[in-house]
Amino acid sequence: MLTASSFASISDLRDKTASIVKQVNTTGKKIILSQNKPVGVFLSIDEYNALLKLSFPAEKATPQEIKAYQASSHGEEAVEAFAFLDALQ
């Protein structure tokens, strides 16, 4: 859910960098940067790494992580996708 605290202007980022960094690291929530419209997202390094891992699951995920994902609530949806990826190898 987006709230007013989910947004910061470029000026806010310039003037309150330390506070914004602390907020992101403390809460783990993303901050949408705006310059009259959304122009970027400021997020924690953990969130960034998680997104990277998700963007290339076949290259980054370990076999144990794939099996855990398949066993999770998303597993049924993912089984077909993983079978497709396995067929490509």
PDB file of N, CA and C in Angstrom:
ATOM      1  N   MET A   1       0.831  -1.169   0.000  1.00  0.00           N
ATOM      2  CA  MET A   1       0.000   0.000   0.000  1.00  0.00           C
ATOM      3  C   MET A   1       0.885   1.245   0.000  1.00  0.00           C
ATOM      4  N   LEU A   2       0.594   2.182  -0.893  1.00  0.00           N
ATOM      5  CA  LEU A   2       1.353   3.419  -0.967  1.00  0.00           C
ATOM      6  C   LEU A   2       0.764   4.439  -0.011  1.00  0.00           C
ATOM      7  N   THR A   3       1.650   5.125   0.700  1.00  0.00           N
ATOM      8  CA  THR A   3       1.235   6.194   1.598  1.00  0.00           C
ATOM      9  C   THR A   3       2.021   7.436   1.244  1.00  0.00           C
ATOM     10  N   ALA A   4       1.678   8.550   1.878  1.00  0.00           N
ATOM     11  CA  ALA A   4       2.413   9.788   1.621  1.00  0.00           C
ATOM     12  C   ALA A   4       3.894   9.613   1.928  1.00  0.00           C
ATOM     13  N   SER A   5       4.220   8.783   2.924  1.00  0.00           N
ATOM     14  CA  SER A   5       5.629   8.568   3.264  1.00  0.00           C
ATOM     15  C   SER A   5       6.332   7.661   2.268  1.00  0.00           C
ATOM     16  N   SER A   6       5.598   7.111   1.300  1.00  0.00           N
ATOM     17  CA  SER A   6       6.194   6.266   0.274  1.00  0.00           C
ATOM     18  C   SER A   6       6.801   7.086  -0.858  1.00  0.00           C
ATOM     19  N   PHE A   7       6.610   8.397  -0.817  1.00  0.00           N
ATOM     20  CA  PHE A   7       7.077   9.278  -1.877  1.00  0.00           C
ATOM     21  C   PHE A   7       8.056  10.310  -1.333  1.00  0.00           C
ATOM     22  N   ALA A   8       9.021  10.689  -2.150  1.00  0.00           N
ATOM     23  CA  ALA A   8       9.947  11.769  -1.819  1.00  0.00           C
ATOM     24  C   ALA A   8      10.323  12.465  -3.114  1.00  0.00           C
ATOM     25  N   SER A   9      10.389  13.768  -3.056  1.00  0.00           N
ATOM     26  CA  SER A   9      10.817  14.512  -4.240  1.00  0.00           C
ATOM     27  C   SER A   9      12.338  14.445  -4.342  1.00  0.00           C
ATOM     28  N   ILE A  10      12.849  14.776  -5.487  1.00  0.00           N
ATOM     29  CA  ILE A  10      14.300  14.828  -5.672  1.00  0.00           C
ATOM     30  C   ILE A  10      14.901  15.838  -4.702  1.00  0.00           C
ATOM     31  N   SER A  11      14.197  16.950  -4.475  1.00  0.00           N
ATOM     32  CA  SER A  11      14.658  17.954  -3.505  1.00  0.00           C
ATOM     33  C   SER A  11      14.722  17.361  -2.106  1.00  0.00           C
ATOM     34  N   ASP A  12      13.690  16.575  -1.722  1.00  0.00           N
ATOM     35  CA  ASP A  12      13.707  15.910  -0.415  1.00  0.00           C
ATOM     36  C   ASP A  12      14.907  14.981  -0.310  1.00  0.00           C
ATOM     37  N   LEU A  13      15.178  14.234  -1.364  1.00  0.00           N
ATOM     38  CA  LEU A  13      16.314  13.317  -1.354  1.00  0.00           C
ATOM     39  C   LEU A  13      17.618  14.086  -1.170  1.00  0.00           C
ATOM     40  N   ARG A  14      17.738  15.216  -1.840  1.00  0.00           N
ATOM     41  CA  ARG A  14      18.939  16.038  -1.716  1.00  0.00           C
ATOM     42  C   ARG A  14      19.077  16.591  -0.299  1.00  0.00           C
ATOM     43  N   ASP A  15      17.970  17.091   0.258  1.00  0.00           N
ATOM     44  CA  ASP A  15      18.017  17.760   1.555  1.00  0.00           C
ATOM     45  C   ASP A  15      17.973  16.807   2.744  1.00  0.00           C
ATOM     46  N   LYS A  16      17.386  15.630   2.565  1.00  0.00           N
ATOM     47  CA  LYS A  16      17.163  14.706   3.687  1.00  0.00           C
ATOM     48  C   LYS A  16      17.697  13.308   3.392  1.00  0.00           C
ATOM     49  N   THR A  17      18.817  13.234   2.706  1.00  0.00           N
ATOM     50  CA  THR A  17      19.354  11.939   2.287  1.00  0.00           C
ATOM     51  C   THR A  17      19.514  10.973   3.456  1.00  0.00           C
ATOM     52  N   ALA A  18      20.158  11.419   4.529  1.00  0.00           N
ATOM     53  CA  ALA A  18      20.415  10.529   5.670  1.00  0.00           C
ATOM     54  C   ALA A  18      19.114  10.002   6.263  1.00  0.00           C
ATOM     55  N   SER A  19      18.133  10.863   6.386  1.00  0.00           N
ATOM     56  CA  SER A  19      16.838  10.463   6.949  1.00  0.00           C
ATOM     57  C   SER A  19      16.129   9.449   6.054  1.00  0.00           C
ATOM     58  N   ILE A  20      16.168   9.671   4.759  1.00  0.00           N
ATOM     59  CA  ILE A  20      15.511   8.761   3.815  1.00  0.00           C
ATOM     60  C   ILE A  20      16.219   7.407   3.797  1.00  0.00           C
ATOM     61  N   VAL A  21      17.542   7.417   3.800  1.00  0.00           N
ATOM     62  CA  VAL A  21      18.304   6.160   3.838  1.00  0.00           C
ATOM     63  C   VAL A  21      17.976   5.392   5.117  1.00  0.00           C
ATOM     64  N   LYS A  22      17.925   6.096   6.245  1.00  0.00           N
ATOM     65  CA  LYS A  22      17.598   5.450   7.517  1.00  0.00           C
ATOM     66  C   LYS A  22      16.191   4.855   7.470  1.00  0.00           C
ATOM     67  N   GLN A  23      15.242   5.597   6.908  1.00  0.00           N
ATOM     68  CA  GLN A  23      13.857   5.113   6.809  1.00  0.00           C
ATOM     69  C   GLN A  23      13.784   3.836   5.974  1.00  0.00           C
ATOM     70  N   VAL A  24      14.466   3.823   4.840  1.00  0.00           N
ATOM     71  CA  VAL A  24      14.450   2.639   3.968  1.00  0.00           C
ATOM     72  C   VAL A  24      15.094   1.448   4.669  1.00  0.00           C
ATOM     73  N   ASN A  25      16.227   1.675   5.322  1.00  0.00           N
ATOM     74  CA  ASN A  25      16.913   0.574   6.001  1.00  0.00           C
ATOM     75  C   ASN A  25      16.151   0.082   7.223  1.00  0.00           C
ATOM     76  N   THR A  26      15.464   0.979   7.915  1.00  0.00           N
ATOM     77  CA  THR A  26      14.727   0.605   9.120  1.00  0.00           C
ATOM     78  C   THR A  26      13.430  -0.115   8.791  1.00  0.00           C
ATOM     79  N   THR A  27      12.679   0.433   7.848  1.00  0.00           N
ATOM     80  CA  THR A  27      11.353  -0.120   7.539  1.00  0.00           C
ATOM     81  C   THR A  27      11.386  -1.170   6.440  1.00  0.00           C
ATOM     82  N   GLY A  28      12.397  -1.114   5.589  1.00  0.00           N
ATOM     83  CA  GLY A  28      12.455  -2.024   4.447  1.00  0.00           C
ATOM     84  C   GLY A  28      11.518  -1.628   3.323  1.00  0.00           C
ATOM     85  N   LYS A  29      10.840  -0.484   3.479  1.00  0.00           N
ATOM     86  CA  LYS A  29       9.886  -0.041   2.458  1.00  0.00           C
ATOM     87  C   LYS A  29      10.587   0.775   1.385  1.00  0.00           C
ATOM     88  N   LYS A  30      10.053   0.703   0.195  1.00  0.00           N
ATOM     89  CA  LYS A  30      10.589   1.456  -0.932  1.00  0.00           C
ATOM     90  C   LYS A  30      10.116   2.908  -0.866  1.00  0.00           C
ATOM     91  N   ILE A  31      10.918   3.806  -1.405  1.00  0.00           N
ATOM     92  CA  ILE A  31      10.541   5.212  -1.539  1.00  0.00           C
ATOM     93  C   ILE A  31      10.504   5.520  -3.031  1.00  0.00           C
ATOM     94  N   ILE A  32       9.387   6.041  -3.500  1.00  0.00           N
ATOM     95  CA  ILE A  32       9.250   6.433  -4.903  1.00  0.00           C
ATOM     96  C   ILE A  32       9.723   7.870  -5.029  1.00  0.00           C
ATOM     97  N   LEU A  33      10.714   8.083  -5.871  1.00  0.00           N
ATOM     98  CA  LEU A  33      11.252   9.421  -6.098  1.00  0.00           C
ATOM     99  C   LEU A  33      10.462  10.096  -7.202  1.00  0.00           C
ATOM    100  N   SER A  34      10.162  11.365  -6.980  1.00  0.00           N
ATOM    101  CA  SER A  34       9.358  12.073  -7.976  1.00  0.00           C
ATOM    102  C   SER A  34       9.980  13.412  -8.327  1.00  0.00           C
ATOM    103  N   GLN A  35       9.705  13.806  -9.534  1.00  0.00           N
ATOM    104  CA  GLN A  35      10.078  15.119 -10.048  1.00  0.00           C
ATOM    105  C   GLN A  35       8.896  15.538 -10.923  1.00  0.00           C
ATOM    106  N   ASN A  36       7.801  15.911 -10.248  1.00  0.00           N
ATOM    107  CA  ASN A  36       6.497  16.191 -10.851  1.00  0.00           C
ATOM    108  C   ASN A  36       5.789  14.919 -11.314  1.00  0.00           C
ATOM    109  N   LYS A  37       6.512  13.826 -11.402  1.00  0.00           N
ATOM    110  CA  LYS A  37       5.962  12.506 -11.709  1.00  0.00           C
ATOM    111  C   LYS A  37       6.971  11.484 -11.196  1.00  0.00           C
ATOM    112  N   PRO A  38       6.573  10.242 -10.994  1.00  0.00           N
ATOM    113  CA  PRO A  38       7.524   9.231 -10.522  1.00  0.00           C
ATOM    114  C   PRO A  38       8.684   9.065 -11.512  1.00  0.00           C
ATOM    115  N   VAL A  39       9.913   9.101 -10.976  1.00  0.00           N
ATOM    116  CA  VAL A  39      11.093   8.973 -11.838  1.00  0.00           C
ATOM    117  C   VAL A  39      12.042   7.863 -11.394  1.00  0.00           C
ATOM    118  N   GLY A  40      11.839   7.332 -10.206  1.00  0.00           N
ATOM    119  CA  GLY A  40      12.730   6.283  -9.738  1.00  0.00           C
ATOM    120  C   GLY A  40      12.259   5.707  -8.423  1.00  0.00           C
ATOM    121  N   VAL A  41      12.980   4.688  -7.966  1.00  0.00           N
ATOM    122  CA  VAL A  41      12.637   4.030  -6.711  1.00  0.00           C
ATOM    123  C   VAL A  41      13.906   3.863  -5.892  1.00  0.00           C
ATOM    124  N   PHE A  42      13.814   4.203  -4.630  1.00  0.00           N
ATOM    125  CA  PHE A  42      14.917   4.046  -3.686  1.00  0.00           C
ATOM    126  C   PHE A  42      14.554   2.875  -2.782  1.00  0.00           C
ATOM    127  N   LEU A  43      15.396   1.833  -2.754  1.00  0.00           N
ATOM    128  CA  LEU A  43      15.080   0.663  -1.950  1.00  0.00           C
ATOM    129  C   LEU A  43      16.327   0.135  -1.279  1.00  0.00           C
ATOM    130  N   SER A  44      16.127  -0.722  -0.283  1.00  0.00           N
ATOM    131  CA  SER A  44      17.250  -1.279   0.460  1.00  0.00           C
ATOM    132  C   SER A  44      18.042  -2.235  -0.426  1.00  0.00           C
ATOM    133  N   ILE A  45      19.281  -2.466  -0.049  1.00  0.00           N
ATOM    134  CA  ILE A  45      20.125  -3.380  -0.818  1.00  0.00           C
ATOM    135  C   ILE A  45      19.569  -4.804  -0.759  1.00  0.00           C
ATOM    136  N   ASP A  46      18.963  -5.178   0.371  1.00  0.00           N
ATOM    137  CA  ASP A  46      18.366  -6.516   0.472  1.00  0.00           C
ATOM    138  C   ASP A  46      17.216  -6.671  -0.516  1.00  0.00           C
ATOM    139  N   GLU A  47      16.371  -5.641  -0.610  1.00  0.00           N
ATOM    140  CA  GLU A  47      15.249  -5.683  -1.549  1.00  0.00           C
ATOM    141  C   GLU A  47      15.770  -5.718  -2.989  1.00  0.00           C
ATOM    142  N   TYR A  48      16.803  -4.939  -3.270  1.00  0.00           N
ATOM    143  CA  TYR A  48      17.397  -4.916  -4.612  1.00  0.00           C
ATOM    144  C   TYR A  48      17.940  -6.298  -4.982  1.00  0.00           C
ATOM    145  N   ASN A  49      18.678  -6.913  -4.051  1.00  0.00           N
ATOM    146  CA  ASN A  49      19.234  -8.243  -4.321  1.00  0.00           C
ATOM    147  C   ASN A  49      18.135  -9.278  -4.529  1.00  0.00           C
ATOM    148  N   ALA A  50      17.056  -9.172  -3.755  1.00  0.00           N
ATOM    149  CA  ALA A  50      15.930 -10.094  -3.930  1.00  0.00           C
ATOM    150  C   ALA A  50      15.304  -9.919  -5.309  1.00  0.00           C
ATOM    151  N   LEU A  51      15.170  -8.685  -5.760  1.00  0.00           N
ATOM    152  CA  LEU A  51      14.618  -8.430  -7.093  1.00  0.00           C
ATOM    153  C   LEU A  51      15.535  -8.966  -8.187  1.00  0.00           C
ATOM    154  N   LEU A  52      16.839  -8.795  -8.007  1.00  0.00           N
ATOM    155  CA  LEU A  52      17.785  -9.342  -8.985  1.00  0.00           C
ATOM    156  C   LEU A  52      17.658 -10.854  -9.078  1.00  0.00           C
ATOM    157  N   LYS A  53      17.564 -11.487  -7.935  1.00  0.00           N
ATOM    158  CA  LYS A  53      17.449 -12.945  -7.916  1.00  0.00           C
ATOM    159  C   LYS A  53      16.172 -13.391  -8.620  1.00  0.00           C
ATOM    160  N   LEU A  54      15.082 -12.658  -8.417  1.00  0.00           N
ATOM    161  CA  LEU A  54      13.820 -13.004  -9.064  1.00  0.00           C
ATOM    162  C   LEU A  54      13.846 -12.751 -10.565  1.00  0.00           C
ATOM    163  N   SER A  55      14.621 -11.769 -10.988  1.00  0.00           N
ATOM    164  CA  SER A  55      14.627 -11.431 -12.410  1.00  0.00           C
ATOM    165  C   SER A  55      15.363 -12.467 -13.255  1.00  0.00           C
ATOM    166  N   PHE A  56      16.246 -13.238 -12.650  1.00  0.00           N
ATOM    167  CA  PHE A  56      16.975 -14.292 -13.351  1.00  0.00           C
ATOM    168  C   PHE A  56      16.954 -15.568 -12.517  1.00  0.00           C
ATOM    169  N   PRO A  57      15.771 -16.119 -12.242  1.00  0.00           N
ATOM    170  CA  PRO A  57      15.700 -17.246 -11.312  1.00  0.00           C
ATOM    171  C   PRO A  57      16.483 -18.472 -11.750  1.00  0.00           C
ATOM    172  N   ALA A  58      16.524 -18.765 -13.031  1.00  0.00           N
ATOM    173  CA  ALA A  58      17.226 -19.967 -13.482  1.00  0.00           C
ATOM    174  C   ALA A  58      18.731 -19.812 -13.325  1.00  0.00           C
ATOM    175  N   GLU A  59      19.227 -18.584 -13.401  1.00  0.00           N
ATOM    176  CA  GLU A  59      20.661 -18.359 -13.295  1.00  0.00           C
ATOM    177  C   GLU A  59      21.112 -18.192 -11.850  1.00  0.00           C
ATOM    178  N   LYS A  60      20.258 -17.651 -10.987  1.00  0.00           N
ATOM    179  CA  LYS A  60      20.673 -17.304  -9.636  1.00  0.00           C
ATOM    180  C   LYS A  60      20.166 -18.260  -8.561  1.00  0.00           C
ATOM    181  N   ALA A  61      19.039 -18.866  -8.768  1.00  0.00           N
ATOM    182  CA  ALA A  61      18.443 -19.703  -7.731  1.00  0.00           C
ATOM    183  C   ALA A  61      19.164 -21.043  -7.638  1.00  0.00           C
ATOM    184  N   THR A  62      19.355 -21.488  -6.412  1.00  0.00           N
ATOM    185  CA  THR A  62      19.947 -22.809  -6.200  1.00  0.00           C
ATOM    186  C   THR A  62      18.856 -23.864  -6.370  1.00  0.00           C
ATOM    187  N   PRO A  63      19.239 -25.110  -6.606  1.00  0.00           N
ATOM    188  CA  PRO A  63      18.219 -26.166  -6.711  1.00  0.00           C
ATOM    189  C   PRO A  63      17.337 -26.245  -5.459  1.00  0.00           C
ATOM    190  N   GLN A  64      17.929 -26.018  -4.285  1.00  0.00           N
ATOM    191  CA  GLN A  64      17.157 -26.049  -3.046  1.00  0.00           C
ATOM    192  C   GLN A  64      16.131 -24.915  -3.025  1.00  0.00           C
ATOM    193  N   GLU A  65      16.511 -23.736  -3.506  1.00  0.00           N
ATOM    194  CA  GLU A  65      15.582 -22.604  -3.547  1.00  0.00           C
ATOM    195  C   GLU A  65      14.443 -22.870  -4.529  1.00  0.00           C
ATOM    196  N   ILE A  66      14.770 -23.488  -5.644  1.00  0.00           N
ATOM    197  CA  ILE A  66      13.728 -23.807  -6.631  1.00  0.00           C
ATOM    198  C   ILE A  66      12.736 -24.803  -6.038  1.00  0.00           C
ATOM    199  N   LYS A  67      13.250 -25.838  -5.362  1.00  0.00           N
ATOM    200  CA  LYS A  67      12.363 -26.827  -4.746  1.00  0.00           C
ATOM    201  C   LYS A  67      11.510 -26.190  -3.653  1.00  0.00           C
ATOM    202  N   ALA A  68      12.107 -25.293  -2.860  1.00  0.00           N
ATOM    203  CA  ALA A  68      11.348 -24.609  -1.811  1.00  0.00           C
ATOM    204  C   ALA A  68      10.264 -23.737  -2.426  1.00  0.00           C
ATOM    205  N   TYR A  69      10.585 -23.076  -3.528  1.00  0.00           N
ATOM    206  CA  TYR A  69       9.586 -22.243  -4.201  1.00  0.00           C
ATOM    207  C   TYR A  69       8.458 -23.102  -4.753  1.00  0.00           C
ATOM    208  N   GLN A  70       8.814 -24.226  -5.347  1.00  0.00           N
ATOM    209  CA  GLN A  70       7.796 -25.122  -5.894  1.00  0.00           C
ATOM    210  C   GLN A  70       6.877 -25.640  -4.794  1.00  0.00           C
ATOM    211  N   ALA A  71       7.422 -25.837  -3.594  1.00  0.00           N
ATOM    212  CA  ALA A  71       6.629 -26.333  -2.473  1.00  0.00           C
ATOM    213  C   ALA A  71       5.796 -25.233  -1.819  1.00  0.00           C
ATOM    214  N   SER A  72       6.112 -23.982  -2.111  1.00  0.00           N
ATOM    215  CA  SER A  72       5.376 -22.862  -1.514  1.00  0.00           C
ATOM    216  C   SER A  72       4.017 -22.709  -2.178  1.00  0.00           C
ATOM    217  N   SER A  73       3.289 -21.719  -1.741  1.00  0.00           N
ATOM    218  CA  SER A  73       1.954 -21.472  -2.308  1.00  0.00           C
ATOM    219  C   SER A  73       2.019 -21.103  -3.785  1.00  0.00           C
ATOM    220  N   HIS A  74       3.185 -20.655  -4.246  1.00  0.00           N
ATOM    221  CA  HIS A  74       3.343 -20.302  -5.655  1.00  0.00           C
ATOM    222  C   HIS A  74       3.775 -21.504  -6.489  1.00  0.00           C
ATOM    223  N   GLY A  75       4.069 -22.594  -5.829  1.00  0.00           N
ATOM    224  CA  GLY A  75       4.630 -23.747  -6.509  1.00  0.00           C
ATOM    225  C   GLY A  75       3.815 -24.277  -7.656  1.00  0.00           C
ATOM    226  N   GLU A  76       2.516 -24.376  -7.490  1.00  0.00           N
ATOM    227  CA  GLU A  76       1.683 -24.924  -8.557  1.00  0.00           C
ATOM    228  C   GLU A  76       1.762 -24.078  -9.811  1.00  0.00           C
ATOM    229  N   GLU A  77       1.816 -22.760  -9.624  1.00  0.00           N
ATOM    230  CA  GLU A  77       1.929 -21.867 -10.777  1.00  0.00           C
ATOM    231  C   GLU A  77       3.311 -21.975 -11.405  1.00  0.00           C
ATOM    232  N   ALA A  78       4.310 -22.237 -10.570  1.00  0.00           N
ATOM    233  CA  ALA A  78       5.684 -22.206 -11.042  1.00  0.00           C
ATOM    234  C   ALA A  78       6.138 -23.515 -11.669  1.00  0.00           C
ATOM    235  N   VAL A  79       5.516 -24.613 -11.338  1.00  0.00           N
ATOM    236  CA  VAL A  79       5.970 -25.911 -11.836  1.00  0.00           C
ATOM    237  C   VAL A  79       6.045 -25.913 -13.349  1.00  0.00           C
ATOM    238  N   GLU A  80       5.023 -25.400 -13.995  1.00  0.00           N
ATOM    239  CA  GLU A  80       5.019 -25.367 -15.455  1.00  0.00           C
ATOM    240  C   GLU A  80       6.158 -24.500 -15.980  1.00  0.00           C
ATOM    241  N   ALA A  81       6.398 -23.366 -15.341  1.00  0.00           N
ATOM    242  CA  ALA A  81       7.479 -22.479 -15.770  1.00  0.00           C
ATOM    243  C   ALA A  81       8.832 -23.147 -15.570  1.00  0.00           C
ATOM    244  N   PHE A  82       9.023 -23.810 -14.430  1.00  0.00           N
ATOM    245  CA  PHE A  82      10.297 -24.474 -14.184  1.00  0.00           C
ATOM    246  C   PHE A  82      10.506 -25.638 -15.145  1.00  0.00           C
ATOM    247  N   ALA A  83       9.451 -26.361 -15.477  1.00  0.00           N
ATOM    248  CA  ALA A  83       9.562 -27.445 -16.452  1.00  0.00           C
ATOM    249  C   ALA A  83       9.996 -26.885 -17.798  1.00  0.00           C
ATOM    250  N   PHE A  84       9.449 -25.736 -18.166  1.00  0.00           N
ATOM    251  CA  PHE A  84       9.841 -25.081 -19.412  1.00  0.00           C
ATOM    252  C   PHE A  84      11.316 -24.701 -19.370  1.00  0.00           C
ATOM    253  N   LEU A  85      11.762 -24.111 -18.256  1.00  0.00           N
ATOM    254  CA  LEU A  85      13.168 -23.714 -18.133  1.00  0.00           C
ATOM    255  C   LEU A  85      14.086 -24.933 -18.179  1.00  0.00           C
ATOM    256  N   ASP A  86      13.680 -26.013 -17.514  1.00  0.00           N
ATOM    257  CA  ASP A  86      14.484 -27.238 -17.545  1.00  0.00           C
ATOM    258  C   ASP A  86      14.602 -27.785 -18.964  1.00  0.00           C
ATOM    259  N   ALA A  87      13.536 -27.669 -19.744  1.00  0.00           N
ATOM    260  CA  ALA A  87      13.539 -28.167 -21.119  1.00  0.00           C
ATOM    261  C   ALA A  87      14.500 -27.376 -21.999  1.00  0.00           C
ATOM    262  N   LEU A  88      14.780 -26.143 -21.634  1.00  0.00           N
ATOM    263  CA  LEU A  88      15.689 -25.308 -22.420  1.00  0.00           C
ATOM    264  C   LEU A  88      17.145 -25.710 -22.234  1.00  0.00           C
ATOM    265  N   GLN A  89      17.448 -26.371 -21.140  1.00  0.00           N
ATOM    266  CA  GLN A  89      18.851 -26.700 -20.845  1.00  0.00           C
ATOM    267  C   GLN A  89      19.313 -27.922 -21.578  1.00  0.00           C
TER     268      GLN A  89
END
